[in-house]
Amino acid sequence: MISEAPERKVAFDRYHEVLDDPGARKFVSVVGYHGYDFKHFDKIAALEAKYSDLPFWMDELCYAYEAGYPKTKNFPSTSSMTATPGEIYFNDLEAGTSAWLYWNAILDENGGPWAVSPVHGNPDPNIQHPVVIINKITHEITYTGVYYYLAHFSKFVRPGAVRVQTTGKAKACESCHFSHPRAEWSRKF
């Protein structure tokens, strides 16, 4: 697997060198990238178009201040993320991504624990937003907006499903179609 590009544009700028070299390419089975720029989906689409024989995985993303998310948002939150995840999933899927991973599944009520690593730009505190919040004191479990977006996608896009091309746009409406070999129809969002 080729990975460690912190952003989609960085993957586009760096990965051609490895993927265009037959000697190196034979060791690559998956093209992974991180999504911390929250944009440049067109760069992944261009890579996927050129190297369509390889699967593309968005292999790390979480909402964190150090990842460029606005400091005006409070972490962790049960509702402040509700619009953004769906847009990111749609855009990555439309770019050709076949797997999508959220970095922090479960964190506490303070958005931690967190790693402190100056080399990787992870300061103390490095508050992040999880899929699920578990309060260390009350043991209350809170499912965030990210959880519900992931649950929705995983309910309808089952293993083996393939995204099929859609055309047309409607204002404030996005859709993706998926076909599954064991189903007679495709699902639409």
C-alpha atoms as a PDB file:
ATOM      1  CA  MET A   1       0.000   0.000   0.000  1.00  0.00           C
ATOM      2  CA  ILE A   2       1.231   3.453  -0.836  1.00  0.00           C
ATOM      3  CA  SER A   3       0.111   6.045   1.726  1.00  0.00           C
ATOM      4  CA  GLU A   4       1.157   8.812   4.075  1.00  0.00           C
ATOM      5  CA  ALA A   5       0.019  11.707   1.930  1.00  0.00           C
ATOM      6  CA  PRO A   6      -1.684  13.966   4.496  1.00  0.00           C
ATOM      7  CA  GLU A   7      -3.851  15.587   1.837  1.00  0.00           C
ATOM      8  CA  ARG A   8      -5.358  14.734  -1.539  1.00  0.00           C
ATOM      9  CA  LYS A   9      -3.234  17.310  -3.394  1.00  0.00           C
ATOM     10  CA  VAL A  10      -0.046  15.958  -1.787  1.00  0.00           C
ATOM     11  CA  ALA A  11      -1.001  12.466  -2.997  1.00  0.00           C
ATOM     12  CA  PHE A  12      -1.459  13.854  -6.496  1.00  0.00           C
ATOM     13  CA  ASP A  13       1.878  15.674  -6.391  1.00  0.00           C
ATOM     14  CA  ARG A  14       3.882  12.735  -4.998  1.00  0.00           C
ATOM     15  CA  TYR A  15       2.333   9.449  -6.117  1.00  0.00           C
ATOM     16  CA  HIS A  16       3.067   9.682  -9.863  1.00  0.00           C
ATOM     17  CA  GLU A  17       6.754   9.073  -9.152  1.00  0.00           C
ATOM     18  CA  VAL A  18       6.029   5.666  -7.606  1.00  0.00           C
ATOM     19  CA  LEU A  19       3.051   4.684  -9.749  1.00  0.00           C
ATOM     20  CA  ASP A  20       4.815   5.507 -13.039  1.00  0.00           C
ATOM     21  CA  ASP A  21       7.865   3.422 -12.111  1.00  0.00           C
ATOM     22  CA  PRO A  22       7.213  -0.234 -13.119  1.00  0.00           C
ATOM     23  CA  GLY A  23       9.788  -1.477 -10.611  1.00  0.00           C
ATOM     24  CA  ALA A  24       8.072   0.279  -7.708  1.00  0.00           C
ATOM     25  CA  ARG A  25       4.509  -0.070  -9.008  1.00  0.00           C
ATOM     26  CA  LYS A  26       4.564  -3.878  -8.733  1.00  0.00           C
ATOM     27  CA  PHE A  27       4.665  -3.490  -4.929  1.00  0.00           C
ATOM     28  CA  VAL A  28       1.570  -1.245  -4.776  1.00  0.00           C
ATOM     29  CA  SER A  29      -1.791  -2.960  -4.326  1.00  0.00           C
ATOM     30  CA  VAL A  30      -3.742  -0.019  -2.848  1.00  0.00           C
ATOM     31  CA  VAL A  31      -3.401   3.755  -3.150  1.00  0.00           C
ATOM     32  CA  GLY A  32      -4.171   5.319   0.217  1.00  0.00           C
ATOM     33  CA  TYR A  33      -4.353   8.967   1.127  1.00  0.00           C
ATOM     34  CA  HIS A  34      -5.419  11.098   4.072  1.00  0.00           C
ATOM     35  CA  GLY A  35      -8.181  13.655   3.712  1.00  0.00           C
ATOM     36  CA  TYR A  36      -7.007  16.480   5.940  1.00  0.00           C
ATOM     37  CA  ASP A  37      -7.332  19.173   3.290  1.00  0.00           C
ATOM     38  CA  PHE A  38     -11.137  18.663   3.090  1.00  0.00           C
ATOM     39  CA  LYS A  39     -10.874  19.535  -0.637  1.00  0.00           C
ATOM     40  CA  HIS A  40      -9.000  18.684  -3.862  1.00  0.00           C
ATOM     41  CA  PHE A  41     -11.240  15.722  -4.682  1.00  0.00           C
ATOM     42  CA  ASP A  42     -10.453  16.396  -8.343  1.00  0.00           C
ATOM     43  CA  LYS A  43      -6.829  15.404  -7.665  1.00  0.00           C
ATOM     44  CA  ILE A  44      -7.918  11.950  -6.484  1.00  0.00           C
ATOM     45  CA  ALA A  45     -10.258  11.658  -9.488  1.00  0.00           C
ATOM     46  CA  ALA A  46      -7.321  12.404 -11.793  1.00  0.00           C
ATOM     47  CA  LEU A  47      -5.127   9.800 -10.073  1.00  0.00           C
ATOM     48  CA  GLU A  48      -7.921   7.230 -10.154  1.00  0.00           C
ATOM     49  CA  ALA A  49      -8.510   7.881 -13.865  1.00  0.00           C
ATOM     50  CA  LYS A  50      -4.831   7.329 -14.649  1.00  0.00           C
ATOM     51  CA  TYR A  51      -4.361   4.326 -12.332  1.00  0.00           C
ATOM     52  CA  SER A  52      -7.847   2.801 -12.471  1.00  0.00           C
ATOM     53  CA  ASP A  53      -6.510  -0.723 -11.971  1.00  0.00           C
ATOM     54  CA  LEU A  54      -5.722   0.120  -8.326  1.00  0.00           C
ATOM     55  CA  PRO A  55      -8.219   0.694  -5.509  1.00  0.00           C
ATOM     56  CA  PHE A  56      -8.101   4.122  -3.818  1.00  0.00           C
ATOM     57  CA  TRP A  57      -8.663   4.340  -0.073  1.00  0.00           C
ATOM     58  CA  MET A  58      -9.186   7.488   1.957  1.00  0.00           C
ATOM     59  CA  ASP A  59      -7.414   5.920   4.911  1.00  0.00           C
ATOM     60  CA  GLU A  60      -7.389   8.653   7.546  1.00  0.00           C
ATOM     61  CA  LEU A  61      -9.528  11.628   8.425  1.00  0.00           C
ATOM     62  CA  CYS A  62     -10.871  13.115  11.602  1.00  0.00           C
ATOM     63  CA  TYR A  63     -12.044  16.546  12.567  1.00  0.00           C
ATOM     64  CA  ALA A  64      -9.306  18.172  14.598  1.00  0.00           C
ATOM     65  CA  TYR A  65      -8.170  21.733  15.071  1.00  0.00           C
ATOM     66  CA  GLU A  66      -4.632  20.799  14.061  1.00  0.00           C
ATOM     67  CA  ALA A  67      -6.006  19.330  10.825  1.00  0.00           C
ATOM     68  CA  GLY A  68      -7.281  22.760   9.868  1.00  0.00           C
ATOM     69  CA  TYR A  69     -10.835  22.514  11.154  1.00  0.00           C
ATOM     70  CA  PRO A  70     -12.110  25.900  12.427  1.00  0.00           C
ATOM     71  CA  LYS A  71     -11.358  26.615  16.069  1.00  0.00           C
ATOM     72  CA  THR A  72     -14.845  28.112  16.329  1.00  0.00           C
ATOM     73  CA  LYS A  73     -16.257  24.558  16.372  1.00  0.00           C
ATOM     74  CA  ASN A  74     -16.460  22.893  19.770  1.00  0.00           C
ATOM     75  CA  PHE A  75     -15.063  19.369  20.052  1.00  0.00           C
ATOM     76  CA  PRO A  76     -16.264  16.834  20.730  1.00  0.00           C
ATOM     77  CA  SER A  77     -19.764  17.627  19.525  1.00  0.00           C
ATOM     78  CA  THR A  78     -22.907  15.637  18.901  1.00  0.00           C
ATOM     79  CA  SER A  79     -24.179  17.934  16.172  1.00  0.00           C
ATOM     80  CA  SER A  80     -21.612  20.367  14.750  1.00  0.00           C
ATOM     81  CA  MET A  81     -20.351  17.918  12.121  1.00  0.00           C
ATOM     82  CA  THR A  82     -23.664  16.898  10.579  1.00  0.00           C
ATOM     83  CA  ALA A  83     -23.340  18.569   7.147  1.00  0.00           C
ATOM     84  CA  THR A  84     -19.667  18.122   6.374  1.00  0.00           C
ATOM     85  CA  PRO A  85     -19.165  14.306   6.567  1.00  0.00           C
ATOM     86  CA  GLY A  86     -21.759  13.528   3.916  1.00  0.00           C
ATOM     87  CA  GLU A  87     -20.249  16.042   1.525  1.00  0.00           C
ATOM     88  CA  ILE A  88     -16.799  14.549   2.022  1.00  0.00           C
ATOM     89  CA  TYR A  89     -18.059  10.953   1.546  1.00  0.00           C
ATOM     90  CA  PHE A  90     -19.897  11.889  -1.633  1.00  0.00           C
ATOM     91  CA  ASN A  91     -16.944  13.787  -3.058  1.00  0.00           C
ATOM     92  CA  ASP A  92     -14.455  10.999  -2.304  1.00  0.00           C
ATOM     93  CA  LEU A  93     -16.803   8.359  -3.731  1.00  0.00           C
ATOM     94  CA  GLU A  94     -17.366  10.425  -6.864  1.00  0.00           C
ATOM     95  CA  ALA A  95     -13.582  10.745  -7.212  1.00  0.00           C
ATOM     96  CA  GLY A  96     -13.275   6.949  -7.328  1.00  0.00           C
ATOM     97  CA  THR A  97     -12.482   6.088  -3.719  1.00  0.00           C
ATOM     98  CA  SER A  98     -13.483   2.535  -2.831  1.00  0.00           C
ATOM     99  CA  ALA A  99     -12.828   2.566   0.938  1.00  0.00           C
ATOM    100  CA  TRP A 100     -13.250   5.314   3.496  1.00  0.00           C
ATOM    101  CA  LEU A 101     -11.977   5.284   7.098  1.00  0.00           C
ATOM    102  CA  TYR A 102     -12.626   7.711   9.935  1.00  0.00           C
ATOM    103  CA  TRP A 103      -9.612   7.922  12.224  1.00  0.00           C
ATOM    104  CA  ASN A 104     -11.123   8.199  15.727  1.00  0.00           C
ATOM    105  CA  ALA A 105     -13.961   5.782  16.369  1.00  0.00           C
ATOM    106  CA  ILE A 106     -14.307   6.348  20.123  1.00  0.00           C
ATOM    107  CA  LEU A 107     -12.998   9.193  22.284  1.00  0.00           C
ATOM    108  CA  ASP A 108     -13.909  10.591  25.673  1.00  0.00           C
ATOM    109  CA  GLU A 109     -15.936  13.694  26.515  1.00  0.00           C
ATOM    110  CA  ASN A 110     -12.800  15.845  26.158  1.00  0.00           C
ATOM    111  CA  GLY A 111     -11.942  14.687  22.644  1.00  0.00           C
ATOM    112  CA  GLY A 112      -9.101  12.478  23.835  1.00  0.00           C
ATOM    113  CA  PRO A 113      -6.972  10.747  24.748  1.00  0.00           C
ATOM    114  CA  TRP A 114      -4.678  12.177  22.134  1.00  0.00           C
ATOM    115  CA  ALA A 115      -1.170  11.547  20.922  1.00  0.00           C
ATOM    116  CA  VAL A 116       1.396  14.273  21.452  1.00  0.00           C
ATOM    117  CA  SER A 117       3.942  14.303  18.640  1.00  0.00           C
ATOM    118  CA  PRO A 118       5.666  17.534  17.602  1.00  0.00           C
ATOM    119  CA  VAL A 119       7.158  15.705  14.604  1.00  0.00           C
ATOM    120  CA  HIS A 120       3.663  15.001  13.262  1.00  0.00           C
ATOM    121  CA  GLY A 121       2.206  18.362  14.321  1.00  0.00           C
ATOM    122  CA  ASN A 122       0.180  16.872  17.186  1.00  0.00           C
ATOM    123  CA  PRO A 123       0.364  19.304  20.134  1.00  0.00           C
ATOM    124  CA  ASP A 124      -0.980  19.002  23.648  1.00  0.00           C
ATOM    125  CA  PRO A 125      -3.931  19.309  23.678  1.00  0.00           C
ATOM    126  CA  ASN A 126      -4.815  17.675  20.354  1.00  0.00           C
ATOM    127  CA  ILE A 127      -8.597  17.612  20.786  1.00  0.00           C
ATOM    128  CA  GLN A 128     -10.379  15.622  18.097  1.00  0.00           C
ATOM    129  CA  HIS A 129     -13.911  14.648  17.118  1.00  0.00           C
ATOM    130  CA  PRO A 130     -14.933  10.968  17.335  1.00  0.00           C
ATOM    131  CA  VAL A 131     -17.681   8.827  15.865  1.00  0.00           C
ATOM    132  CA  VAL A 132     -18.797   7.887  19.399  1.00  0.00           C
ATOM    133  CA  ILE A 133     -18.225   9.752  22.686  1.00  0.00           C
ATOM    134  CA  ILE A 134     -17.966   7.769  25.906  1.00  0.00           C
ATOM    135  CA  ASN A 135     -18.028   9.871  29.047  1.00  0.00           C
ATOM    136  CA  LYS A 136     -15.363   8.512  31.422  1.00  0.00           C
ATOM    137  CA  ILE A 137     -17.254   9.644  34.507  1.00  0.00           C
ATOM    138  CA  THR A 138     -20.912   8.891  33.711  1.00  0.00           C
ATOM    139  CA  HIS A 139     -20.255   6.100  31.157  1.00  0.00           C
ATOM    140  CA  GLU A 140     -22.861   7.747  28.917  1.00  0.00           C
ATOM    141  CA  ILE A 141     -22.510   6.841  25.251  1.00  0.00           C
ATOM    142  CA  THR A 142     -23.248   9.530  22.648  1.00  0.00           C
ATOM    143  CA  TYR A 143     -23.449   8.834  18.929  1.00  0.00           C
ATOM    144  CA  THR A 144     -22.319  11.847  16.904  1.00  0.00           C
ATOM    145  CA  GLY A 145     -23.453  13.087  13.508  1.00  0.00           C
ATOM    146  CA  VAL A 146     -20.443  11.327  11.972  1.00  0.00           C
ATOM    147  CA  TYR A 147     -21.785   8.035  13.386  1.00  0.00           C
ATOM    148  CA  TYR A 148     -25.149   8.516  11.712  1.00  0.00           C
ATOM    149  CA  TYR A 149     -23.586   9.390   8.360  1.00  0.00           C
ATOM    150  CA  LEU A 150     -21.344   6.316   8.461  1.00  0.00           C
ATOM    151  CA  ALA A 151     -24.271   4.147   9.592  1.00  0.00           C
ATOM    152  CA  HIS A 152     -26.401   5.386   6.704  1.00  0.00           C
ATOM    153  CA  PHE A 153     -23.738   4.709   4.097  1.00  0.00           C
ATOM    154  CA  SER A 154     -22.838   1.300   5.519  1.00  0.00           C
ATOM    155  CA  LYS A 155     -26.504   0.264   5.684  1.00  0.00           C
ATOM    156  CA  PHE A 156     -27.032   0.843   1.974  1.00  0.00           C
ATOM    157  CA  VAL A 157     -23.572   0.340   0.492  1.00  0.00           C
ATOM    158  CA  ARG A 158     -22.812  -3.269   1.344  1.00  0.00           C
ATOM    159  CA  PRO A 159     -19.593  -5.223   0.712  1.00  0.00           C
ATOM    160  CA  GLY A 160     -19.284  -6.051  -2.970  1.00  0.00           C
ATOM    161  CA  ALA A 161     -21.269  -3.003  -4.097  1.00  0.00           C
ATOM    162  CA  VAL A 162     -19.866  -0.973  -6.979  1.00  0.00           C
ATOM    163  CA  ARG A 163     -20.558   2.697  -7.552  1.00  0.00           C
ATOM    164  CA  VAL A 164     -22.109   3.348 -10.931  1.00  0.00           C
ATOM    165  CA  GLN A 165     -21.911   6.631 -12.799  1.00  0.00           C
ATOM    166  CA  THR A 166     -24.703   9.125 -12.256  1.00  0.00           C
ATOM    167  CA  THR A 167     -25.337  12.261 -14.251  1.00  0.00           C
ATOM    168  CA  GLY A 168     -27.323  15.398 -13.667  1.00  0.00           C
ATOM    169  CA  LYS A 169     -27.434  17.773 -10.756  1.00  0.00           C
ATOM    170  CA  ALA A 170     -30.190  19.253  -8.646  1.00  0.00           C
ATOM    171  CA  LYS A 171     -29.607  22.249  -6.419  1.00  0.00           C
ATOM    172  CA  ALA A 172     -28.790  21.171  -2.840  1.00  0.00           C
ATOM    173  CA  CYS A 173     -29.176  17.485  -3.707  1.00  0.00           C
ATOM    174  CA  GLU A 174     -26.439  14.908  -4.204  1.00  0.00           C
ATOM    175  CA  SER A 175     -26.840  11.287  -5.168  1.00  0.00           C
ATOM    176  CA  CYS A 176     -24.700   8.233  -5.672  1.00  0.00           C
ATOM    177  CA  HIS A 177     -25.863   4.943  -7.142  1.00  0.00           C
ATOM    178  CA  PHE A 178     -24.434   1.567  -6.228  1.00  0.00           C
ATOM    179  CA  SER A 179     -24.999  -1.786  -7.835  1.00  0.00           C
ATOM    180  CA  HIS A 180     -24.575  -5.043  -5.960  1.00  0.00           C
ATOM    181  CA  PRO A 181     -24.057  -8.364  -7.763  1.00  0.00           C
ATOM    182  CA  ARG A 182     -26.663 -10.131  -5.579  1.00  0.00           C
ATOM    183  CA  ALA A 183     -29.283  -7.390  -5.908  1.00  0.00           C
ATOM    184  CA  GLU A 184     -31.517  -6.691  -8.865  1.00  0.00           C
ATOM    185  CA  TRP A 185     -31.357  -2.928  -8.311  1.00  0.00           C
ATOM    186  CA  SER A 186     -28.996  -0.242  -7.203  1.00  0.00           C
ATOM    187  CA  ARG A 187     -29.288   1.941  -4.151  1.00  0.00           C
ATOM    188  CA  LYS A 188     -29.423   5.684  -4.318  1.00  0.00           C
ATOM    189  CA  PHE A 189     -28.746   8.427  -1.778  1.00  0.00           C
END
